[in-house]
PDB file of N, CA and C in Angstrom:
ATOM      1  N   MET A   1       4.998 -16.459  -1.419  1.00  0.00           N
ATOM      2  CA  MET A   1       4.961 -15.461  -2.456  1.00  0.00           C
ATOM      3  C   MET A   1       4.233 -14.219  -1.945  1.00  0.00           C
ATOM      4  N   HIS A   2       4.748 -13.061  -2.222  1.00  0.00           N
ATOM      5  CA  HIS A   2       4.074 -11.835  -1.799  1.00  0.00           C
ATOM      6  C   HIS A   2       2.827 -11.613  -2.653  1.00  0.00           C
ATOM      7  N   LYS A   3       1.862 -10.856  -2.089  1.00  0.00           N
ATOM      8  CA  LYS A   3       0.600 -10.685  -2.802  1.00  0.00           C
ATOM      9  C   LYS A   3      -0.169  -9.480  -2.274  1.00  0.00           C
ATOM     10  N   PHE A   4      -1.065  -8.974  -3.111  1.00  0.00           N
ATOM     11  CA  PHE A   4      -2.047  -7.986  -2.719  1.00  0.00           C
ATOM     12  C   PHE A   4      -3.332  -8.730  -2.377  1.00  0.00           C
ATOM     13  N   GLU A   5      -3.992  -8.343  -1.297  1.00  0.00           N
ATOM     14  CA  GLU A   5      -5.288  -8.908  -0.935  1.00  0.00           C
ATOM     15  C   GLU A   5      -6.312  -7.781  -0.885  1.00  0.00           C
ATOM     16  N   ILE A   6      -7.431  -7.958  -1.563  1.00  0.00           N
ATOM     17  CA  ILE A   6      -8.535  -6.998  -1.514  1.00  0.00           C
ATOM     18  C   ILE A   6      -9.563  -7.541  -0.521  1.00  0.00           C
ATOM     19  N   TYR A   7     -10.054  -6.652   0.332  1.00  0.00           N
ATOM     20  CA  TYR A   7     -11.050  -7.070   1.319  1.00  0.00           C
ATOM     21  C   TYR A   7     -11.987  -5.898   1.616  1.00  0.00           C
ATOM     22  N   LYS A   8     -13.090  -6.189   2.284  1.00  0.00           N
ATOM     23  CA  LYS A   8     -14.027  -5.157   2.724  1.00  0.00           C
ATOM     24  C   LYS A   8     -13.816  -4.924   4.217  1.00  0.00           C
ATOM     25  N   ASP A   9     -13.786  -3.643   4.602  1.00  0.00           N
ATOM     26  CA  ASP A   9     -13.637  -3.315   6.015  1.00  0.00           C
ATOM     27  C   ASP A   9     -15.007  -3.288   6.696  1.00  0.00           C
ATOM     28  N   LYS A  10     -15.028  -2.973   7.984  1.00  0.00           N
ATOM     29  CA  LYS A  10     -16.281  -2.981   8.742  1.00  0.00           C
ATOM     30  C   LYS A  10     -17.286  -1.957   8.234  1.00  0.00           C
ATOM     31  N   ALA A  11     -16.780  -0.886   7.616  1.00  0.00           N
ATOM     32  CA  ALA A  11     -17.658   0.158   7.075  1.00  0.00           C
ATOM     33  C   ALA A  11     -18.170  -0.184   5.674  1.00  0.00           C
ATOM     34  N   GLY A  12     -17.753  -1.330   5.136  1.00  0.00           N
ATOM     35  CA  GLY A  12     -18.195  -1.754   3.817  1.00  0.00           C
ATOM     36  C   GLY A  12     -17.363  -1.207   2.670  1.00  0.00           C
ATOM     37  N   GLU A  13     -16.232  -0.554   2.995  1.00  0.00           N
ATOM     38  CA  GLU A  13     -15.359  -0.036   1.949  1.00  0.00           C
ATOM     39  C   GLU A  13     -14.339  -1.097   1.540  1.00  0.00           C
ATOM     40  N   PHE A  14     -13.887  -0.998   0.309  1.00  0.00           N
ATOM     41  CA  PHE A  14     -12.875  -1.910  -0.206  1.00  0.00           C
ATOM     42  C   PHE A  14     -11.492  -1.372   0.156  1.00  0.00           C
ATOM     43  N   ARG A  15     -10.652  -2.235   0.620  1.00  0.00           N
ATOM     44  CA  ARG A  15      -9.268  -1.904   0.957  1.00  0.00           C
ATOM     45  C   ARG A  15      -8.389  -3.013   0.407  1.00  0.00           C
ATOM     46  N   PHE A  16      -7.089  -2.734   0.373  1.00  0.00           N
ATOM     47  CA  PHE A  16      -6.161  -3.803   0.038  1.00  0.00           C
ATOM     48  C   PHE A  16      -4.972  -3.730   0.965  1.00  0.00           C
ATOM     49  N   ARG A  17      -4.349  -4.869   1.122  1.00  0.00           N
ATOM     50  CA  ARG A  17      -3.105  -4.958   1.900  1.00  0.00           C
ATOM     51  C   ARG A  17      -2.095  -5.720   1.072  1.00  0.00           C
ATOM     52  N   PHE A  18      -0.835  -5.420   1.317  1.00  0.00           N
ATOM     53  CA  PHE A  18       0.253  -6.118   0.646  1.00  0.00           C
ATOM     54  C   PHE A  18       0.883  -7.031   1.673  1.00  0.00           C
ATOM     55  N   LYS A  19       0.947  -8.300   1.360  1.00  0.00           N
ATOM     56  CA  LYS A  19       1.491  -9.287   2.291  1.00  0.00           C
ATOM     57  C   LYS A  19       2.800  -9.851   1.778  1.00  0.00           C
ATOM     58  N   ALA A  20       3.748  -9.993   2.675  1.00  0.00           N
ATOM     59  CA  ALA A  20       5.038 -10.596   2.365  1.00  0.00           C
ATOM     60  C   ALA A  20       4.869 -12.106   2.231  1.00  0.00           C
ATOM     61  N   SER A  21       5.898 -12.755   1.738  1.00  0.00           N
ATOM     62  CA  SER A  21       5.828 -14.205   1.529  1.00  0.00           C
ATOM     63  C   SER A  21       5.633 -14.981   2.835  1.00  0.00           C
ATOM     64  N   ASN A  22       5.975 -14.354   3.971  1.00  0.00           N
ATOM     65  CA  ASN A  22       5.770 -15.029   5.258  1.00  0.00           C
ATOM     66  C   ASN A  22       4.390 -14.751   5.834  1.00  0.00           C
ATOM     67  N   GLY A  23       3.530 -14.037   5.086  1.00  0.00           N
ATOM     68  CA  GLY A  23       2.166 -13.761   5.521  1.00  0.00           C
ATOM     69  C   GLY A  23       2.006 -12.457   6.285  1.00  0.00           C
ATOM     70  N   GLU A  24       3.098 -11.784   6.578  1.00  0.00           N
ATOM     71  CA  GLU A  24       3.034 -10.533   7.325  1.00  0.00           C
ATOM     72  C   GLU A  24       2.513  -9.408   6.430  1.00  0.00           C
ATOM     73  N   THR A  25       1.582  -8.612   6.967  1.00  0.00           N
ATOM     74  CA  THR A  25       1.084  -7.453   6.229  1.00  0.00           C
ATOM     75  C   THR A  25       2.138  -6.360   6.272  1.00  0.00           C
ATOM     76  N   MET A  26       2.546  -5.901   5.100  1.00  0.00           N
ATOM     77  CA  MET A  26       3.573  -4.868   5.008  1.00  0.00           C
ATOM     78  C   MET A  26       2.951  -3.477   4.933  1.00  0.00           C
ATOM     79  N   PHE A  27       1.825  -3.330   4.229  1.00  0.00           N
ATOM     80  CA  PHE A  27       1.095  -2.065   4.229  1.00  0.00           C
ATOM     81  C   PHE A  27      -0.345  -2.295   3.814  1.00  0.00           C
ATOM     82  N   SER A  28      -1.183  -1.313   4.158  1.00  0.00           N
ATOM     83  CA  SER A  28      -2.604  -1.353   3.820  1.00  0.00           C
ATOM     84  C   SER A  28      -2.995  -0.047   3.156  1.00  0.00           C
ATOM     85  N   SER A  29      -4.086  -0.091   2.438  1.00  0.00           N
ATOM     86  CA  SER A  29      -4.564   1.080   1.705  1.00  0.00           C
ATOM     87  C   SER A  29      -5.606   1.851   2.496  1.00  0.00           C
ATOM     88  N   GLU A  30      -6.005   2.970   1.913  1.00  0.00           N
ATOM     89  CA  GLU A  30      -7.178   3.694   2.364  1.00  0.00           C
ATOM     90  C   GLU A  30      -8.413   2.926   1.914  1.00  0.00           C
ATOM     91  N   GLY A  31      -9.585   3.369   2.337  1.00  0.00           N
ATOM     92  CA  GLY A  31     -10.825   2.735   1.911  1.00  0.00           C
ATOM     93  C   GLY A  31     -11.325   3.307   0.590  1.00  0.00           C
ATOM     94  N   TYR A  32     -11.903   2.459  -0.238  1.00  0.00           N
ATOM     95  CA  TYR A  32     -12.479   2.849  -1.527  1.00  0.00           C
ATOM     96  C   TYR A  32     -13.930   2.405  -1.566  1.00  0.00           C
ATOM     97  N   LYS A  33     -14.807   3.237  -2.104  1.00  0.00           N
ATOM     98  CA  LYS A  33     -16.226   2.870  -2.201  1.00  0.00           C
ATOM     99  C   LYS A  33     -16.458   1.787  -3.253  1.00  0.00           C
ATOM    100  N   ALA A  34     -15.638   1.763  -4.301  1.00  0.00           N
ATOM    101  CA  ALA A  34     -15.792   0.783  -5.376  1.00  0.00           C
ATOM    102  C   ALA A  34     -14.599  -0.164  -5.413  1.00  0.00           C
ATOM    103  N   ARG A  35     -14.883  -1.444  -5.631  1.00  0.00           N
ATOM    104  CA  ARG A  35     -13.822  -2.443  -5.754  1.00  0.00           C
ATOM    105  C   ARG A  35     -12.874  -2.077  -6.888  1.00  0.00           C
ATOM    106  N   ALA A  36     -13.433  -1.566  -7.983  1.00  0.00           N
ATOM    107  CA  ALA A  36     -12.618  -1.207  -9.140  1.00  0.00           C
ATOM    108  C   ALA A  36     -11.572  -0.148  -8.786  1.00  0.00           C
ATOM    109  N   SER A  37     -11.891   0.728  -7.857  1.00  0.00           N
ATOM    110  CA  SER A  37     -10.933   1.758  -7.433  1.00  0.00           C
ATOM    111  C   SER A  37      -9.758   1.132  -6.683  1.00  0.00           C
ATOM    112  N   ALA A  38     -10.033   0.129  -5.861  1.00  0.00           N
ATOM    113  CA  ALA A  38      -8.958  -0.574  -5.162  1.00  0.00           C
ATOM    114  C   ALA A  38      -8.075  -1.316  -6.156  1.00  0.00           C
ATOM    115  N   VAL A  39      -8.688  -1.981  -7.128  1.00  0.00           N
ATOM    116  CA  VAL A  39      -7.940  -2.701  -8.162  1.00  0.00           C
ATOM    117  C   VAL A  39      -7.083  -1.718  -8.955  1.00  0.00           C
ATOM    118  N   SER A  40      -7.639  -0.568  -9.288  1.00  0.00           N
ATOM    119  CA  SER A  40      -6.908   0.454 -10.035  1.00  0.00           C
ATOM    120  C   SER A  40      -5.697   0.949  -9.243  1.00  0.00           C
ATOM    121  N   ALA A  41      -5.858   1.142  -7.951  1.00  0.00           N
ATOM    122  CA  ALA A  41      -4.740   1.582  -7.107  1.00  0.00           C
ATOM    123  C   ALA A  41      -3.633   0.536  -7.081  1.00  0.00           C
ATOM    124  N   ILE A  42      -3.991  -0.724  -6.990  1.00  0.00           N
ATOM    125  CA  ILE A  42      -3.002  -1.808  -7.011  1.00  0.00           C
ATOM    126  C   ILE A  42      -2.240  -1.788  -8.331  1.00  0.00           C
ATOM    127  N   GLU A  43      -2.966  -1.684  -9.436  1.00  0.00           N
ATOM    128  CA  GLU A  43      -2.322  -1.666 -10.744  1.00  0.00           C
ATOM    129  C   GLU A  43      -1.408  -0.454 -10.896  1.00  0.00           C
ATOM    130  N   SER A  44      -1.803   0.676 -10.333  1.00  0.00           N
ATOM    131  CA  SER A  44      -0.974   1.871 -10.383  1.00  0.00           C
ATOM    132  C   SER A  44       0.328   1.668  -9.618  1.00  0.00           C
ATOM    133  N   ILE A  45       0.258   1.042  -8.455  1.00  0.00           N
ATOM    134  CA  ILE A  45       1.465   0.756  -7.669  1.00  0.00           C
ATOM    135  C   ILE A  45       2.386  -0.163  -8.456  1.00  0.00           C
ATOM    136  N   LYS A  46       1.812  -1.222  -9.022  1.00  0.00           N
ATOM    137  CA  LYS A  46       2.626  -2.171  -9.790  1.00  0.00           C
ATOM    138  C   LYS A  46       3.321  -1.496 -10.971  1.00  0.00           C
ATOM    139  N   LYS A  47       2.605  -0.602 -11.635  1.00  0.00           N
ATOM    140  CA  LYS A  47       3.134   0.041 -12.827  1.00  0.00           C
ATOM    141  C   LYS A  47       4.107   1.180 -12.521  1.00  0.00           C
ATOM    142  N   ASN A  48       3.793   2.003 -11.542  1.00  0.00           N
ATOM    143  CA  ASN A  48       4.499   3.264 -11.335  1.00  0.00           C
ATOM    144  C   ASN A  48       5.546   3.280 -10.234  1.00  0.00           C
ATOM    145  N   ALA A  49       5.648   2.240  -9.439  1.00  0.00           N
ATOM    146  CA  ALA A  49       6.544   2.317  -8.296  1.00  0.00           C
ATOM    147  C   ALA A  49       7.684   1.308  -8.251  1.00  0.00           C
ATOM    148  N   PRO A  50       8.040   0.647  -9.348  1.00  0.00           N
ATOM    149  CA  PRO A  50       9.099  -0.366  -9.227  1.00  0.00           C
ATOM    150  C   PRO A  50      10.445   0.205  -8.799  1.00  0.00           C
ATOM    151  N   GLY A  51      10.743   1.451  -9.159  1.00  0.00           N
ATOM    152  CA  GLY A  51      12.017   2.053  -8.776  1.00  0.00           C
ATOM    153  C   GLY A  51      11.827   3.235  -7.845  1.00  0.00           C
ATOM    154  N   ALA A  52      10.795   3.170  -7.011  1.00  0.00           N
ATOM    155  CA  ALA A  52      10.463   4.296  -6.141  1.00  0.00           C
ATOM    156  C   ALA A  52      11.625   4.664  -5.227  1.00  0.00           C
ATOM    157  N   GLU A  53      11.834   5.965  -5.108  1.00  0.00           N
ATOM    158  CA  GLU A  53      12.874   6.510  -4.240  1.00  0.00           C
ATOM    159  C   GLU A  53      12.449   6.364  -2.784  1.00  0.00           C
ATOM    160  N   THR A  54      13.409   6.170  -1.889  1.00  0.00           N
ATOM    161  CA  THR A  54      13.151   6.163  -0.462  1.00  0.00           C
ATOM    162  C   THR A  54      13.664   7.471   0.120  1.00  0.00           C
ATOM    163  N   VAL A  55      12.794   8.197   0.789  1.00  0.00           N
ATOM    164  CA  VAL A  55      13.163   9.460   1.421  1.00  0.00           C
ATOM    165  C   VAL A  55      13.025   9.280   2.923  1.00  0.00           C
ATOM    166  N   ASP A  56      14.108   9.430   3.635  1.00  0.00           N
ATOM    167  CA  ASP A  56      14.111   9.275   5.091  1.00  0.00           C
ATOM    168  C   ASP A  56      14.022  10.659   5.719  1.00  0.00           C
ATOM    169  N   THR A  57      12.816  11.077   6.052  1.00  0.00           N
ATOM    170  CA  THR A  57      12.635  12.410   6.621  1.00  0.00           C
ATOM    171  C   THR A  57      13.161  12.496   8.048  1.00  0.00           C
ATOM    172  N   THR A  58      13.341  11.362   8.703  1.00  0.00           N
ATOM    173  CA  THR A  58      13.906  11.405  10.048  1.00  0.00           C
ATOM    174  C   THR A  58      15.384  11.766   9.987  1.00  0.00           C
ATOM    175  N   ARG A  59      16.074  11.340   8.966  1.00  0.00           N
ATOM    176  CA  ARG A  59      17.485  11.686   8.793  1.00  0.00           C
ATOM    177  C   ARG A  59      17.609  13.170   8.499  1.00  0.00           C
ATOM    178  N   GLU A  60      16.752  13.687   7.598  1.00  0.00           N
ATOM    179  CA  GLU A  60      16.797  15.118   7.261  1.00  0.00           C
ATOM    180  C   GLU A  60      16.532  15.967   8.495  1.00  0.00           C
ATOM    181  N   ALA A  61      15.634  15.528   9.333  1.00  0.00           N
ATOM    182  CA  ALA A  61      15.321  16.285  10.560  1.00  0.00           C
ATOM    183  C   ALA A  61      16.519  16.306  11.499  1.00  0.00           C
ATOM    184  N   ARG A  62      17.235  15.179  11.602  1.00  0.00           N
ATOM    185  CA  ARG A  62      18.402  15.118  12.501  1.00  0.00           C
ATOM    186  C   ARG A  62      19.530  15.988  11.975  1.00  0.00           C
ATOM    187  N   GLU A  63      19.732  15.969  10.657  1.00  0.00           N
ATOM    188  CA  GLU A  63      20.821  16.738  10.065  1.00  0.00           C
ATOM    189  C   GLU A  63      20.565  18.231  10.138  1.00  0.00           C
ATOM    190  N   GLY A  64      19.287  18.632  10.110  1.00  0.00           N
ATOM    191  CA  GLY A  64      18.946  20.046  10.169  1.00  0.00           C
ATOM    192  C   GLY A  64      18.967  20.608  11.577  1.00  0.00           C
ATOM    193  N   ALA A  65      19.014  19.743  12.559  1.00  0.00           N
ATOM    194  CA  ALA A  65      18.949  20.193  13.963  1.00  0.00           C
ATOM    195  C   ALA A  65      20.308  20.629  14.473  1.00  0.00           C
TER     196      ALA A  65
END
């Protein structure tokens, strides 16, 4: 099952990563000073990005060249 994991980095900041069902990390966050900020970012992703558009800027660059 895919999941978000919250952890502390070496600098003591809270970060999160999104892991696929096979355990592979798909993406990681920036650092947050407060755990609540990391939790809030996760909730924002869950709420606001279910139908997020994909923009391939590499394709646009090739077509413009």
